[in-house]
Structure formats: C-alpha cells, structure tokens
Amino acid sequence: MTNNHSQLKRHVLIVDDEPAVHQTVRNMLESSGIECAESENGAAALEWLKEHHTDVILVDYRMPIVNGLSLLERVQNTLNGNTPRVIMLSGIIDEKEKLKAIHLGAYAIIDKPCNFRELNVKVNEALTPSCFSYADNKALIAWNRAMLFGLFKPIPEFFLEFCLQG
C-alpha cells in the first residue's frame, strides 16, 4: 500500500539576487526532498508564478527591480486564496519594515546570514498542510507575529478553544 502523503511533491521558489544563496539554500532543501526553482529578482519570480505553482516562496528583502516586500504584496494581491506562504530573508530590515511584511502576510522573517537549521524548520512548517482555511492561516500568522513583537501578551480563551478544536 502506498502512502499518498509521501508521494506529494513540495515546491519552494527561491528568489534572491545572489547566486551563492540560490545554490546553498537549494542544496539544503533538495537534500530534504523538496523541489526548488530559482529567480534572480522579484520581477522574474512574478513571471514564473504566472505559469507555475509553488508552496513556499523564500525571498530576499533587498533585490533590484522588484524587492522582496513588493513581491510579497503583489503575490498576496494577485494569487487570491492560492497564495504560497512567503518567508523573507534579510540581513538588513528594520522593525517598521518587519511589521509591514507581517501585515502583508509574511509567514516568517529570517535574518541573513541564515541559520540553516532555523530556515529548514520554518520551510517545513510552512509546507505542512493545515486544517485551517487561507483566512484562518493569515489570522494565525498575524497573531503569532504580534506575540513575537510583544504587541499582545495574553492569549484569549476563545482563541485557545478555536485552536484546540479538532
């Protein structure tokens, strides 16, 4: 008997203007059984997304032509409900820009140079199927990020009950 879950291919689009980042991240992800595609900037990624589907987009914050934040915004506005989770990579991003990325729907923000263990964990979390709808996922991500930035302290009972429902 075959396991359908093990046969599902997981796809990640790596968007970065540095070829060394492409190769290093690709090698790490492919060694975990994840299929990867690459784009050197946000404009090329948007073109690629017109013809292809991906589950997760790893995107550098600072790039020429279309930067990571603009790519995130365009992906959220154009793929309506079929939006891949977006993980931002950046060595230079201030708190204001982090909050903007979170507000736009970034799943995670990881500092460069990357801790590859953290990157691998976040990518696999983002690839994990969820019983929640797209809107529920956005709300949960926003709540999680708000907790990280200390915007909310207590978790309301109704939220815990919602999360614990089967």
Protein backbone atom coordinates (compact mmCIF):
# COMPACT_ATOMS: atom_id res chain seq x y z
CA MET A 1 0.00 0.00 0.00
CA THR A 2 1.47 3.34 -0.97
CA ASN A 3 1.38 6.39 1.22
CA ASN A 4 -0.06 9.29 -0.79
CA HIS A 5 1.39 11.83 1.63
CA SER A 6 4.94 10.65 0.91
CA GLN A 7 4.30 10.97 -2.82
CA LEU A 8 3.28 14.63 -2.63
CA LYS A 9 6.00 16.85 -4.00
CA ARG A 10 6.71 20.02 -2.09
CA HIS A 11 7.87 23.05 -4.06
CA VAL A 12 9.85 26.11 -2.99
CA LEU A 13 10.70 29.13 -5.14
CA ILE A 14 13.99 30.77 -4.08
CA VAL A 15 14.12 34.46 -5.03
CA ASP A 16 17.48 36.12 -4.40
CA ASP A 17 19.91 38.16 -6.46
CA GLU A 18 22.93 36.31 -5.02
CA PRO A 19 23.78 33.05 -6.88
CA ALA A 20 25.61 31.68 -3.82
CA VAL A 21 22.40 31.95 -1.78
CA HIS A 22 20.43 30.13 -4.51
CA GLN A 23 22.88 27.24 -4.57
CA THR A 24 23.33 26.88 -0.82
CA VAL A 25 19.62 27.06 0.02
CA ARG A 26 18.71 24.82 -2.92
CA ASN A 27 21.21 22.14 -1.82
CA MET A 28 19.85 22.19 1.72
CA LEU A 29 16.20 21.96 0.65
CA GLU A 30 16.73 19.35 -2.07
CA SER A 31 18.59 17.15 0.43
CA SER A 32 15.29 17.16 2.38
CA GLY A 33 13.30 16.05 -0.69
CA ILE A 34 11.94 19.49 -1.57
CA GLU A 35 11.83 20.54 -5.22
CA CYS A 36 13.21 24.02 -5.89
CA ALA A 37 13.02 26.67 -8.58
CA GLU A 38 15.00 29.90 -8.65
CA SER A 39 14.52 33.52 -9.71
CA GLU A 40 17.11 36.28 -9.51
CA ASN A 41 14.64 39.05 -8.68
CA GLY A 42 11.01 39.76 -7.87
CA ALA A 43 10.03 40.59 -11.46
CA ALA A 44 11.35 37.25 -12.73
CA ALA A 45 9.55 35.49 -9.86
CA LEU A 46 6.24 37.13 -10.76
CA GLU A 47 6.64 35.98 -14.37
CA TRP A 48 7.49 32.45 -13.20
CA LEU A 49 4.42 32.39 -10.94
CA LYS A 50 2.15 33.12 -13.90
CA GLU A 51 2.95 29.67 -15.30
CA HIS A 52 3.88 27.62 -12.21
CA HIS A 53 2.72 26.86 -8.69
CA THR A 54 4.86 26.77 -5.57
CA ASP A 55 4.01 26.04 -1.95
CA VAL A 56 6.54 28.41 -0.39
CA ILE A 57 8.49 31.41 -1.63
CA LEU A 58 11.81 32.23 0.02
CA VAL A 59 12.51 35.83 -0.90
CA ASP A 60 15.36 38.22 -0.17
CA TYR A 61 14.17 41.56 1.18
CA ARG A 62 16.70 43.66 -0.78
CA MET A 63 16.87 43.00 -4.52
CA PRO A 64 16.99 45.07 -7.68
CA ILE A 65 13.95 45.59 -9.95
CA VAL A 66 11.24 44.27 -7.56
CA ASN A 67 12.28 43.90 -3.92
CA GLY A 68 11.01 41.26 -1.52
CA LEU A 69 8.36 43.44 0.11
CA SER A 70 6.90 44.46 -3.26
CA LEU A 71 6.92 40.82 -4.38
CA LEU A 72 5.10 39.80 -1.19
CA GLU A 73 2.47 42.48 -1.74
CA ARG A 74 1.94 41.56 -5.40
CA VAL A 75 1.73 37.84 -4.63
CA GLN A 76 -0.87 38.48 -1.93
CA ASN A 77 -2.92 40.71 -4.25
CA THR A 78 -2.80 38.60 -7.40
CA LEU A 79 -3.00 34.95 -6.35
CA ASN A 80 -6.20 35.33 -4.28
CA GLY A 81 -6.57 32.33 -1.99
CA ASN A 82 -3.96 30.26 -3.80
CA THR A 83 -1.15 32.21 -2.21
CA PRO A 84 2.02 30.38 -1.25
CA ARG A 85 3.49 31.10 2.14
CA VAL A 86 6.28 33.66 1.91
CA ILE A 87 9.41 33.57 4.05
CA MET A 88 11.52 36.74 3.95
CA LEU A 89 15.31 36.58 4.16
CA SER A 90 17.27 39.69 5.05
CA GLY A 91 20.41 40.90 6.68
CA ILE A 92 19.11 44.45 6.86
CA ILE A 93 15.48 45.03 7.79
CA ASP A 94 14.25 47.40 10.49
CA GLU A 95 11.31 46.78 12.83
CA LYS A 96 8.97 49.03 10.81
CA GLU A 97 9.64 47.02 7.64
CA LYS A 98 9.27 43.73 9.55
CA LEU A 99 5.84 44.81 10.78
CA LYS A 100 4.88 45.83 7.25
CA ALA A 101 5.97 42.41 5.93
CA ILE A 102 3.96 40.68 8.64
CA HIS A 103 0.93 42.84 7.89
CA LEU A 104 1.25 41.88 4.21
CA GLY A 105 1.22 38.20 5.16
CA ALA A 106 4.85 37.09 5.51
CA TYR A 107 4.93 33.67 7.16
CA ALA A 108 8.35 34.29 8.72
CA ILE A 109 11.32 36.62 8.56
CA ILE A 110 14.78 35.08 8.86
CA ASP A 111 17.99 37.08 9.21
CA LYS A 112 20.89 36.62 6.81
CA PRO A 113 23.32 35.06 7.06
CA CYS A 114 20.86 32.23 7.62
CA ASN A 115 20.88 29.75 10.41
CA PHE A 116 20.15 26.77 8.14
CA ARG A 117 18.57 24.73 10.91
CA GLU A 118 16.07 27.57 11.54
CA LEU A 119 15.47 28.01 7.81
CA ASN A 120 14.85 24.28 7.35
CA VAL A 121 12.39 24.23 10.28
CA LYS A 122 10.48 27.29 9.00
CA VAL A 123 10.27 25.95 5.45
CA ASN A 124 8.98 22.59 6.67
CA GLU A 125 6.46 24.30 8.95
CA ALA A 126 5.27 26.40 6.01
CA LEU A 127 4.96 23.25 3.88
CA THR A 128 2.91 21.38 6.48
CA PRO A 129 -0.72 21.06 5.36
CA SER A 130 -3.14 22.85 7.62
CA CYS A 131 -6.75 22.17 8.50
CA PHE A 132 -7.25 25.93 8.63
CA SER A 133 -8.53 27.98 5.72
CA TYR A 134 -6.43 30.63 3.99
CA ALA A 135 -8.09 33.37 6.09
CA ASP A 136 -7.56 31.37 9.30
CA ASN A 137 -3.88 30.90 8.40
CA LYS A 138 -3.43 34.64 7.83
CA ALA A 139 -5.06 35.37 11.20
CA LEU A 140 -2.91 32.78 12.99
CA ILE A 141 0.27 34.08 11.36
CA ALA A 142 -0.61 37.66 12.27
CA TRP A 143 -1.36 36.62 15.85
CA ASN A 144 1.92 34.68 16.08
CA ARG A 145 3.92 37.63 14.76
CA ALA A 146 2.16 40.08 17.08
CA MET A 147 3.10 37.82 20.00
CA LEU A 148 6.74 37.77 18.81
CA PHE A 149 6.89 41.54 18.74
CA GLY A 150 5.21 41.82 22.14
CA LEU A 151 2.10 43.53 20.82
CA PHE A 152 -0.18 41.08 22.67
CA LYS A 153 0.61 39.26 25.89
CA PRO A 154 -2.31 37.04 26.98
CA ILE A 155 -3.93 34.54 24.64
CA PRO A 156 -7.72 34.85 24.92
CA GLU A 157 -9.63 31.73 25.90
CA PHE A 158 -11.77 31.81 22.76
CA PHE A 159 -8.60 31.65 20.64
CA LEU A 160 -7.25 28.65 22.57
CA GLU A 161 -10.62 26.89 22.23
CA PHE A 162 -10.62 27.58 18.49
CA CYS A 163 -7.09 26.16 18.12
CA LEU A 164 -7.84 23.07 20.19
CA GLN A 165 -10.99 22.11 18.26
CA GLY A 166 -10.46 19.05 16.07
